[in-house]
Amino acid sequence: MMLLITCMQAVLPFITKAVIDVGIQTQDVSFINIVLMANLALIVSITLSAAVRDWILQHMSSRINIALISLNTVEFDFVFMEPVMDVELVPAYILFPKNP
């Protein structure tokens, strides 16, 4: 699909060249209209395909993020929890302050 979109984007400059070289030199208004309609159709299809691709990517990434967040990490908290400081070295007045 991405290859098709890339090829469609590569065709756009050639369509513009055809409008200038053939359509304007021969002053063929019907040819210019047909080529401009084809150019418009290509631009619309490229834009729509990019929008669909972005929507799919956003949907997939949100599903993956939700799956990663919703993992049961409560069991792993105690396994991976590192002690922040050694409680024996902290004075008692810091651990248990007096209530005013």
PDB file of N, CA and C in Angstrom:
ATOM      1  N   MET A   1       0.831  -1.186   0.000  1.00  0.00           N
ATOM      2  CA  MET A   1       0.000   0.000   0.000  1.00  0.00           C
ATOM      3  C   MET A   1       0.876   1.251   0.000  1.00  0.00           C
ATOM      4  N   MET A   2       1.917   1.234   0.842  1.00  0.00           N
ATOM      5  CA  MET A   2       2.799   2.398   0.906  1.00  0.00           C
ATOM      6  C   MET A   2       3.528   2.595  -0.422  1.00  0.00           C
ATOM      7  N   LEU A   3       3.863   1.490  -1.077  1.00  0.00           N
ATOM      8  CA  LEU A   3       4.530   1.584  -2.373  1.00  0.00           C
ATOM      9  C   LEU A   3       3.602   2.225  -3.405  1.00  0.00           C
ATOM     10  N   LEU A   4       2.337   1.864  -3.365  1.00  0.00           N
ATOM     11  CA  LEU A   4       1.355   2.448  -4.278  1.00  0.00           C
ATOM     12  C   LEU A   4       1.203   3.952  -4.047  1.00  0.00           C
ATOM     13  N   ILE A   5       1.150   4.357  -2.788  1.00  0.00           N
ATOM     14  CA  ILE A   5       1.019   5.784  -2.459  1.00  0.00           C
ATOM     15  C   ILE A   5       2.263   6.542  -2.903  1.00  0.00           C
ATOM     16  N   THR A   6       3.423   5.943  -2.710  1.00  0.00           N
ATOM     17  CA  THR A   6       4.666   6.587  -3.138  1.00  0.00           C
ATOM     18  C   THR A   6       4.702   6.743  -4.647  1.00  0.00           C
ATOM     19  N   CYS A   7       4.254   5.735  -5.371  1.00  0.00           N
ATOM     20  CA  CYS A   7       4.202   5.827  -6.835  1.00  0.00           C
ATOM     21  C   CYS A   7       3.213   6.903  -7.281  1.00  0.00           C
ATOM     22  N   MET A   8       2.097   7.005  -6.580  1.00  0.00           N
ATOM     23  CA  MET A   8       1.113   8.035  -6.923  1.00  0.00           C
ATOM     24  C   MET A   8       1.690   9.426  -6.692  1.00  0.00           C
ATOM     25  N   GLN A   9       2.458   9.592  -5.631  1.00  0.00           N
ATOM     26  CA  GLN A   9       3.077  10.879  -5.368  1.00  0.00           C
ATOM     27  C   GLN A   9       4.153  11.187  -6.399  1.00  0.00           C
ATOM     28  N   ALA A  10       4.817  10.154  -6.909  1.00  0.00           N
ATOM     29  CA  ALA A  10       5.852  10.360  -7.918  1.00  0.00           C
ATOM     30  C   ALA A  10       5.255  10.757  -9.264  1.00  0.00           C
ATOM     31  N   VAL A  11       4.000  10.422  -9.516  1.00  0.00           N
ATOM     32  CA  VAL A  11       3.348  10.729 -10.782  1.00  0.00           C
ATOM     33  C   VAL A  11       2.920  12.201 -10.874  1.00  0.00           C
ATOM     34  N   LEU A  12       2.700  12.835  -9.739  1.00  0.00           N
ATOM     35  CA  LEU A  12       2.179  14.208  -9.732  1.00  0.00           C
ATOM     36  C   LEU A  12       3.029  15.206 -10.527  1.00  0.00           C
ATOM     37  N   PRO A  13       4.345  15.227 -10.423  1.00  0.00           N
ATOM     38  CA  PRO A  13       5.108  16.188 -11.236  1.00  0.00           C
ATOM     39  C   PRO A  13       4.980  15.942 -12.735  1.00  0.00           C
ATOM     40  N   PHE A  14       4.859  14.674 -13.138  1.00  0.00           N
ATOM     41  CA  PHE A  14       4.709  14.366 -14.558  1.00  0.00           C
ATOM     42  C   PHE A  14       3.360  14.830 -15.094  1.00  0.00           C
ATOM     43  N   ILE A  15       2.342  14.769 -14.256  1.00  0.00           N
ATOM     44  CA  ILE A  15       1.032  15.279 -14.672  1.00  0.00           C
ATOM     45  C   ILE A  15       1.101  16.788 -14.877  1.00  0.00           C
ATOM     46  N   THR A  16       1.769  17.482 -13.969  1.00  0.00           N
ATOM     47  CA  THR A  16       1.928  18.929 -14.113  1.00  0.00           C
ATOM     48  C   THR A  16       2.726  19.267 -15.371  1.00  0.00           C
ATOM     49  N   LYS A  17       3.756  18.490 -15.641  1.00  0.00           N
ATOM     50  CA  LYS A  17       4.561  18.700 -16.850  1.00  0.00           C
ATOM     51  C   LYS A  17       3.716  18.489 -18.102  1.00  0.00           C
ATOM     52  N   ALA A  18       2.837  17.479 -18.083  1.00  0.00           N
ATOM     53  CA  ALA A  18       1.974  17.216 -19.237  1.00  0.00           C
ATOM     54  C   ALA A  18       0.998  18.364 -19.469  1.00  0.00           C
ATOM     55  N   VAL A  19       0.487  18.937 -18.385  1.00  0.00           N
ATOM     56  CA  VAL A  19      -0.430  20.077 -18.527  1.00  0.00           C
ATOM     57  C   VAL A  19       0.289  21.238 -19.186  1.00  0.00           C
ATOM     58  N   ILE A  20       1.501  21.506 -18.752  1.00  0.00           N
ATOM     59  CA  ILE A  20       2.242  22.645 -19.299  1.00  0.00           C
ATOM     60  C   ILE A  20       2.702  22.373 -20.732  1.00  0.00           C
ATOM     61  N   ASP A  21       3.308  21.212 -20.961  1.00  0.00           N
ATOM     62  CA  ASP A  21       3.886  20.925 -22.280  1.00  0.00           C
ATOM     63  C   ASP A  21       2.829  20.711 -23.357  1.00  0.00           C
ATOM     64  N   VAL A  22       1.878  19.858 -23.082  1.00  0.00           N
ATOM     65  CA  VAL A  22       0.914  19.472 -24.113  1.00  0.00           C
ATOM     66  C   VAL A  22      -0.307  20.380 -24.099  1.00  0.00           C
ATOM     67  N   GLY A  23      -0.892  20.551 -22.934  1.00  0.00           N
ATOM     68  CA  GLY A  23      -2.161  21.270 -22.860  1.00  0.00           C
ATOM     69  C   GLY A  23      -2.072  22.738 -23.192  1.00  0.00           C
ATOM     70  N   ILE A  24      -1.062  23.403 -22.666  1.00  0.00           N
ATOM     71  CA  ILE A  24      -0.965  24.843 -22.893  1.00  0.00           C
ATOM     72  C   ILE A  24      -0.433  25.142 -24.288  1.00  0.00           C
ATOM     73  N   GLN A  25       0.530  24.357 -24.772  1.00  0.00           N
ATOM     74  CA  GLN A  25       1.079  24.609 -26.110  1.00  0.00           C
ATOM     75  C   GLN A  25       0.041  24.386 -27.201  1.00  0.00           C
ATOM     76  N   THR A  26      -0.761  23.340 -27.042  1.00  0.00           N
ATOM     77  CA  THR A  26      -1.789  23.070 -28.052  1.00  0.00           C
ATOM     78  C   THR A  26      -3.097  23.800 -27.754  1.00  0.00           C
ATOM     79  N   GLN A  27      -3.184  24.426 -26.611  1.00  0.00           N
ATOM     80  CA  GLN A  27      -4.386  25.128 -26.146  1.00  0.00           C
ATOM     81  C   GLN A  27      -5.613  24.220 -26.163  1.00  0.00           C
ATOM     82  N   ASP A  28      -5.390  22.985 -25.709  1.00  0.00           N
ATOM     83  CA  ASP A  28      -6.464  22.001 -25.640  1.00  0.00           C
ATOM     84  C   ASP A  28      -7.069  22.053 -24.232  1.00  0.00           C
ATOM     85  N   VAL A  29      -8.179  22.736 -24.105  1.00  0.00           N
ATOM     86  CA  VAL A  29      -8.808  22.944 -22.807  1.00  0.00           C
ATOM     87  C   VAL A  29      -9.361  21.633 -22.237  1.00  0.00           C
ATOM     88  N   SER A  30      -9.893  20.777 -23.076  1.00  0.00           N
ATOM     89  CA  SER A  30     -10.437  19.502 -22.585  1.00  0.00           C
ATOM     90  C   SER A  30      -9.315  18.626 -22.020  1.00  0.00           C
ATOM     91  N   PHE A  31      -8.150  18.621 -22.662  1.00  0.00           N
ATOM     92  CA  PHE A  31      -7.010  17.850 -22.132  1.00  0.00           C
ATOM     93  C   PHE A  31      -6.566  18.416 -20.786  1.00  0.00           C
ATOM     94  N   ILE A  32      -6.510  19.727 -20.695  1.00  0.00           N
ATOM     95  CA  ILE A  32      -6.108  20.354 -19.428  1.00  0.00           C
ATOM     96  C   ILE A  32      -7.103  20.002 -18.325  1.00  0.00           C
ATOM     97  N   ASN A  33      -8.387  20.037 -18.629  1.00  0.00           N
ATOM     98  CA  ASN A  33      -9.408  19.691 -17.626  1.00  0.00           C
ATOM     99  C   ASN A  33      -9.294  18.234 -17.176  1.00  0.00           C
ATOM    100  N   ILE A  34      -9.079  17.321 -18.128  1.00  0.00           N
ATOM    101  CA  ILE A  34      -8.963  15.903 -17.780  1.00  0.00           C
ATOM    102  C   ILE A  34      -7.743  15.661 -16.909  1.00  0.00           C
ATOM    103  N   VAL A  35      -6.616  16.256 -17.266  1.00  0.00           N
ATOM    104  CA  VAL A  35      -5.388  16.046 -16.497  1.00  0.00           C
ATOM    105  C   VAL A  35      -5.497  16.685 -15.113  1.00  0.00           C
ATOM    106  N   LEU A  36      -6.109  17.839 -15.011  1.00  0.00           N
ATOM    107  CA  LEU A  36      -6.292  18.471 -13.709  1.00  0.00           C
ATOM    108  C   LEU A  36      -7.249  17.677 -12.818  1.00  0.00           C
ATOM    109  N   MET A  37      -8.278  17.081 -13.419  1.00  0.00           N
ATOM    110  CA  MET A  37      -9.173  16.212 -12.638  1.00  0.00           C
ATOM    111  C   MET A  37      -8.430  14.971 -12.142  1.00  0.00           C
ATOM    112  N   ALA A  38      -7.572  14.410 -13.002  1.00  0.00           N
ATOM    113  CA  ALA A  38      -6.770  13.265 -12.568  1.00  0.00           C
ATOM    114  C   ALA A  38      -5.817  13.671 -11.450  1.00  0.00           C
ATOM    115  N   ASN A  39      -5.233  14.850 -11.572  1.00  0.00           N
ATOM    116  CA  ASN A  39      -4.345  15.354 -10.524  1.00  0.00           C
ATOM    117  C   ASN A  39      -5.104  15.531  -9.214  1.00  0.00           C
ATOM    118  N   LEU A  40      -6.288  16.086  -9.286  1.00  0.00           N
ATOM    119  CA  LEU A  40      -7.111  16.268  -8.093  1.00  0.00           C
ATOM    120  C   LEU A  40      -7.497  14.921  -7.478  1.00  0.00           C
ATOM    121  N   ALA A  41      -7.847  13.964  -8.321  1.00  0.00           N
ATOM    122  CA  ALA A  41      -8.200  12.632  -7.816  1.00  0.00           C
ATOM    123  C   ALA A  41      -7.009  11.976  -7.115  1.00  0.00           C
ATOM    124  N   LEU A  42      -5.819  12.134  -7.663  1.00  0.00           N
ATOM    125  CA  LEU A  42      -4.628  11.576  -7.024  1.00  0.00           C
ATOM    126  C   LEU A  42      -4.350  12.239  -5.681  1.00  0.00           C
ATOM    127  N   ILE A  43      -4.486  13.544  -5.623  1.00  0.00           N
ATOM    128  CA  ILE A  43      -4.231  14.254  -4.371  1.00  0.00           C
ATOM    129  C   ILE A  43      -5.243  13.846  -3.299  1.00  0.00           C
ATOM    130  N   VAL A  44      -6.497  13.722  -3.681  1.00  0.00           N
ATOM    131  CA  VAL A  44      -7.529  13.313  -2.719  1.00  0.00           C
ATOM    132  C   VAL A  44      -7.284  11.885  -2.240  1.00  0.00           C
ATOM    133  N   SER A  45      -6.935  10.976  -3.154  1.00  0.00           N
ATOM    134  CA  SER A  45      -6.698   9.586  -2.746  1.00  0.00           C
ATOM    135  C   SER A  45      -5.454   9.461  -1.878  1.00  0.00           C
ATOM    136  N   ILE A  46      -4.416  10.246  -2.152  1.00  0.00           N
ATOM    137  CA  ILE A  46      -3.220  10.228  -1.306  1.00  0.00           C
ATOM    138  C   ILE A  46      -3.554  10.751   0.089  1.00  0.00           C
ATOM    139  N   THR A  47      -4.336  11.810   0.158  1.00  0.00           N
ATOM    140  CA  THR A  47      -4.715  12.388   1.443  1.00  0.00           C
ATOM    141  C   THR A  47      -5.582  11.424   2.250  1.00  0.00           C
ATOM    142  N   LEU A  48      -6.551  10.798   1.591  1.00  0.00           N
ATOM    143  CA  LEU A  48      -7.418   9.846   2.301  1.00  0.00           C
ATOM    144  C   LEU A  48      -6.644   8.622   2.773  1.00  0.00           C
ATOM    145  N   SER A  49      -5.750   8.117   1.948  1.00  0.00           N
ATOM    146  CA  SER A  49      -4.975   6.945   2.361  1.00  0.00           C
ATOM    147  C   SER A  49      -4.041   7.287   3.520  1.00  0.00           C
ATOM    148  N   ALA A  50      -3.491   8.501   3.519  1.00  0.00           N
ATOM    149  CA  ALA A  50      -2.650   8.917   4.648  1.00  0.00           C
ATOM    150  C   ALA A  50      -3.486   9.047   5.920  1.00  0.00           C
ATOM    151  N   ALA A  51      -4.710   9.555   5.793  1.00  0.00           N
ATOM    152  CA  ALA A  51      -5.585   9.677   6.960  1.00  0.00           C
ATOM    153  C   ALA A  51      -5.952   8.302   7.511  1.00  0.00           C
ATOM    154  N   VAL A  52      -6.260   7.359   6.635  1.00  0.00           N
ATOM    155  CA  VAL A  52      -6.591   5.998   7.079  1.00  0.00           C
ATOM    156  C   VAL A  52      -5.376   5.345   7.725  1.00  0.00           C
ATOM    157  N   ARG A  53      -4.205   5.523   7.128  1.00  0.00           N
ATOM    158  CA  ARG A  53      -2.975   4.954   7.695  1.00  0.00           C
ATOM    159  C   ARG A  53      -2.705   5.525   9.077  1.00  0.00           C
ATOM    160  N   ASP A  54      -2.849   6.851   9.238  1.00  0.00           N
ATOM    161  CA  ASP A  54      -2.628   7.476  10.536  1.00  0.00           C
ATOM    162  C   ASP A  54      -3.644   7.003  11.562  1.00  0.00           C
ATOM    163  N   TRP A  55      -4.897   6.821  11.149  1.00  0.00           N
ATOM    164  CA  TRP A  55      -5.919   6.339  12.076  1.00  0.00           C
ATOM    165  C   TRP A  55      -5.589   4.925  12.541  1.00  0.00           C
ATOM    166  N   ILE A  56      -5.175   4.072  11.607  1.00  0.00           N
ATOM    167  CA  ILE A  56      -4.824   2.693  11.968  1.00  0.00           C
ATOM    168  C   ILE A  56      -3.637   2.675  12.918  1.00  0.00           C
ATOM    169  N   LEU A  57      -2.614   3.475  12.633  1.00  0.00           N
ATOM    170  CA  LEU A  57      -1.447   3.521  13.506  1.00  0.00           C
ATOM    171  C   LEU A  57      -1.801   4.044  14.890  1.00  0.00           C
ATOM    172  N   GLN A  58      -2.650   5.053  14.950  1.00  0.00           N
ATOM    173  CA  GLN A  58      -3.062   5.587  16.248  1.00  0.00           C
ATOM    174  C   GLN A  58      -3.879   4.554  17.023  1.00  0.00           C
ATOM    175  N   HIS A  59      -4.758   3.856  16.334  1.00  0.00           N
ATOM    176  CA  HIS A  59      -5.571   2.830  16.988  1.00  0.00           C
ATOM    177  C   HIS A  59      -4.688   1.713  17.532  1.00  0.00           C
ATOM    178  N   MET A  60      -3.744   1.257  16.728  1.00  0.00           N
ATOM    179  CA  MET A  60      -2.852   0.185  17.173  1.00  0.00           C
ATOM    180  C   MET A  60      -1.980   0.628  18.339  1.00  0.00           C
ATOM    181  N   SER A  61      -1.437   1.830  18.268  1.00  0.00           N
ATOM    182  CA  SER A  61      -0.561   2.279  19.355  1.00  0.00           C
ATOM    183  C   SER A  61      -1.337   2.496  20.644  1.00  0.00           C
ATOM    184  N   SER A  62      -2.563   2.973  20.547  1.00  0.00           N
ATOM    185  CA  SER A  62      -3.349   3.139  21.772  1.00  0.00           C
ATOM    186  C   SER A  62      -3.709   1.793  22.378  1.00  0.00           C
ATOM    187  N   ARG A  63      -4.008   0.804  21.545  1.00  0.00           N
ATOM    188  CA  ARG A  63      -4.300  -0.531  22.073  1.00  0.00           C
ATOM    189  C   ARG A  63      -3.074  -1.139  22.752  1.00  0.00           C
ATOM    190  N   ILE A  64      -1.903  -0.933  22.140  1.00  0.00           N
ATOM    191  CA  ILE A  64      -0.673  -1.462  22.728  1.00  0.00           C
ATOM    192  C   ILE A  64      -0.370  -0.746  24.039  1.00  0.00           C
ATOM    193  N   ASN A  65      -0.532   0.570  24.072  1.00  0.00           N
ATOM    194  CA  ASN A  65      -0.276   1.322  25.297  1.00  0.00           C
ATOM    195  C   ASN A  65      -1.222   0.907  26.413  1.00  0.00           C
ATOM    196  N   ILE A  66      -2.489   0.721  26.087  1.00  0.00           N
ATOM    197  CA  ILE A  66      -3.449   0.286  27.099  1.00  0.00           C
ATOM    198  C   ILE A  66      -3.088  -1.103  27.610  1.00  0.00           C
ATOM    199  N   ALA A  67      -2.665  -1.970  26.702  1.00  0.00           N
ATOM    200  CA  ALA A  67      -2.279  -3.321  27.122  1.00  0.00           C
ATOM    201  C   ALA A  67      -1.060  -3.279  28.026  1.00  0.00           C
ATOM    202  N   LEU A  68      -0.111  -2.407  27.726  1.00  0.00           N
ATOM    203  CA  LEU A  68       1.077  -2.310  28.567  1.00  0.00           C
ATOM    204  C   LEU A  68       0.767  -1.698  29.919  1.00  0.00           C
ATOM    205  N   ILE A  69      -0.121  -0.715  29.938  1.00  0.00           N
ATOM    206  CA  ILE A  69      -0.470  -0.071  31.199  1.00  0.00           C
ATOM    207  C   ILE A  69      -1.295  -1.003  32.078  1.00  0.00           C
ATOM    208  N   SER A  70      -2.162  -1.785  31.473  1.00  0.00           N
ATOM    209  CA  SER A  70      -3.076  -2.602  32.256  1.00  0.00           C
ATOM    210  C   SER A  70      -2.468  -3.932  32.701  1.00  0.00           C
ATOM    211  N   LEU A  71      -1.202  -4.141  32.458  1.00  0.00           N
ATOM    212  CA  LEU A  71      -0.571  -5.347  32.988  1.00  0.00           C
ATOM    213  C   LEU A  71      -0.651  -5.339  34.502  1.00  0.00           C
ATOM    214  N   ASN A  72      -0.742  -6.496  35.078  1.00  0.00           N
ATOM    215  CA  ASN A  72      -0.841  -6.587  36.528  1.00  0.00           C
ATOM    216  C   ASN A  72       0.549  -6.377  37.114  1.00  0.00           C
ATOM    217  N   THR A  73       0.880  -5.154  37.430  1.00  0.00           N
ATOM    218  CA  THR A  73       2.213  -4.845  37.938  1.00  0.00           C
ATOM    219  C   THR A  73       2.297  -4.881  39.453  1.00  0.00           C
ATOM    220  N   VAL A  74       1.172  -5.132  40.112  1.00  0.00           N
ATOM    221  CA  VAL A  74       1.177  -5.157  41.568  1.00  0.00           C
ATOM    222  C   VAL A  74       2.056  -6.288  42.070  1.00  0.00           C
ATOM    223  N   GLU A  75       2.034  -7.425  41.413  1.00  0.00           N
ATOM    224  CA  GLU A  75       2.848  -8.562  41.833  1.00  0.00           C
ATOM    225  C   GLU A  75       4.330  -8.271  41.669  1.00  0.00           C
ATOM    226  N   PHE A  76       4.672  -7.468  40.675  1.00  0.00           N
ATOM    227  CA  PHE A  76       6.065  -7.217  40.380  1.00  0.00           C
ATOM    228  C   PHE A  76       6.641  -6.059  41.190  1.00  0.00           C
ATOM    229  N   ASP A  77       5.792  -5.288  41.866  1.00  0.00           N
ATOM    230  CA  ASP A  77       6.296  -4.160  42.641  1.00  0.00           C
ATOM    231  C   ASP A  77       7.233  -4.616  43.747  1.00  0.00           C
ATOM    232  N   PHE A  78       6.868  -5.674  44.411  1.00  0.00           N
ATOM    233  CA  PHE A  78       7.680  -6.123  45.533  1.00  0.00           C
ATOM    234  C   PHE A  78       8.952  -6.827  45.063  1.00  0.00           C
ATOM    235  N   VAL A  79       8.899  -7.401  43.906  1.00  0.00           N
ATOM    236  CA  VAL A  79      10.068  -8.104  43.388  1.00  0.00           C
ATOM    237  C   VAL A  79      11.134  -7.108  42.949  1.00  0.00           C
ATOM    238  N   PHE A  80      10.727  -6.056  42.267  1.00  0.00           N
ATOM    239  CA  PHE A  80      11.681  -5.110  41.699  1.00  0.00           C
ATOM    240  C   PHE A  80      11.923  -3.882  42.568  1.00  0.00           C
ATOM    241  N   MET A  81      11.260  -3.816  43.713  1.00  0.00           N
ATOM    242  CA  MET A  81      11.405  -2.632  44.542  1.00  0.00           C
ATOM    243  C   MET A  81      12.781  -2.639  45.207  1.00  0.00           C
ATOM    244  N   GLU A  82      13.514  -1.587  44.983  1.00  0.00           N
ATOM    245  CA  GLU A  82      14.827  -1.425  45.593  1.00  0.00           C
ATOM    246  C   GLU A  82      14.675  -0.529  46.823  1.00  0.00           C
ATOM    247  N   PRO A  83      15.405  -0.804  47.862  1.00  0.00           N
ATOM    248  CA  PRO A  83      15.328   0.092  49.018  1.00  0.00           C
ATOM    249  C   PRO A  83      15.909   1.460  48.666  1.00  0.00           C
ATOM    250  N   VAL A  84      15.186   2.496  49.033  1.00  0.00           N
ATOM    251  CA  VAL A  84      15.623   3.844  48.727  1.00  0.00           C
ATOM    252  C   VAL A  84      16.734   4.264  49.676  1.00  0.00           C
ATOM    253  N   MET A  85      16.581   3.953  50.951  1.00  0.00           N
ATOM    254  CA  MET A  85      17.613   4.285  51.935  1.00  0.00           C
ATOM    255  C   MET A  85      17.587   3.249  53.042  1.00  0.00           C
ATOM    256  N   ASP A  86      18.657   3.169  53.742  1.00  0.00           N
ATOM    257  CA  ASP A  86      18.742   2.230  54.846  1.00  0.00           C
ATOM    258  C   ASP A  86      18.050   2.862  56.052  1.00  0.00           C
ATOM    259  N   VAL A  87      16.992   2.228  56.518  1.00  0.00           N
ATOM    260  CA  VAL A  87      16.178   2.790  57.596  1.00  0.00           C
ATOM    261  C   VAL A  87      16.967   2.847  58.894  1.00  0.00           C
ATOM    262  N   GLU A  88      17.904   1.950  59.097  1.00  0.00           N
ATOM    263  CA  GLU A  88      18.667   1.926  60.345  1.00  0.00           C
ATOM    264  C   GLU A  88      19.540   3.173  60.498  1.00  0.00           C
ATOM    265  N   LEU A  89      19.932   3.791  59.399  1.00  0.00           N
ATOM    266  CA  LEU A  89      20.808   4.952  59.463  1.00  0.00           C
ATOM    267  C   LEU A  89      20.053   6.267  59.587  1.00  0.00           C
ATOM    268  N   VAL A  90      18.737   6.229  59.445  1.00  0.00           N
ATOM    269  CA  VAL A  90      17.933   7.446  59.516  1.00  0.00           C
ATOM    270  C   VAL A  90      17.493   7.666  60.952  1.00  0.00           C
ATOM    271  N   PRO A  91      17.706   8.876  61.480  1.00  0.00           N
ATOM    272  CA  PRO A  91      17.273   9.143  62.870  1.00  0.00           C
ATOM    273  C   PRO A  91      15.757   9.015  63.021  1.00  0.00           C
ATOM    274  N   ALA A  92      15.339   8.687  64.197  1.00  0.00           N
ATOM    275  CA  ALA A  92      13.918   8.445  64.464  1.00  0.00           C
ATOM    276  C   ALA A  92      13.075   9.698  64.305  1.00  0.00           C
ATOM    277  N   TYR A  93      13.632  10.889  64.623  1.00  0.00           N
ATOM    278  CA  TYR A  93      12.839  12.112  64.510  1.00  0.00           C
ATOM    279  C   TYR A  93      12.526  12.449  63.057  1.00  0.00           C
ATOM    280  N   ILE A  94      13.260  11.893  62.093  1.00  0.00           N
ATOM    281  CA  ILE A  94      12.945  12.117  60.681  1.00  0.00           C
ATOM    282  C   ILE A  94      11.844  11.146  60.238  1.00  0.00           C
ATOM    283  N   LEU A  95      11.963   9.909  60.692  1.00  0.00           N
ATOM    284  CA  LEU A  95      10.967   8.918  60.309  1.00  0.00           C
ATOM    285  C   LEU A  95       9.632   9.149  61.001  1.00  0.00           C
ATOM    286  N   PHE A  96       9.652   9.559  62.257  1.00  0.00           N
ATOM    287  CA  PHE A  96       8.418   9.753  63.033  1.00  0.00           C
ATOM    288  C   PHE A  96       8.416  11.162  63.625  1.00  0.00           C
ATOM    289  N   PRO A  97       8.043  12.152  62.813  1.00  0.00           N
ATOM    290  CA  PRO A  97       8.031  13.531  63.353  1.00  0.00           C
ATOM    291  C   PRO A  97       6.888  13.719  64.333  1.00  0.00           C
ATOM    292  N   LYS A  98       7.078  14.651  65.272  1.00  0.00           N
ATOM    293  CA  LYS A  98       6.032  14.949  66.263  1.00  0.00           C
ATOM    294  C   LYS A  98       4.952  15.773  65.575  1.00  0.00           C
ATOM    295  N   ASN A  99       3.727  15.486  65.935  1.00  0.00           N
ATOM    296  CA  ASN A  99       2.614  16.265  65.414  1.00  0.00           C
ATOM    297  C   ASN A  99       2.498  17.566  66.183  1.00  0.00           C
ATOM    298  N   PRO A 100       2.405  18.693  65.502  1.00  0.00           N
ATOM    299  CA  PRO A 100       2.262  19.964  66.232  1.00  0.00           C
ATOM    300  C   PRO A 100       0.898  20.171  66.822  1.00  0.00           C
TER     301      PRO A 100
END
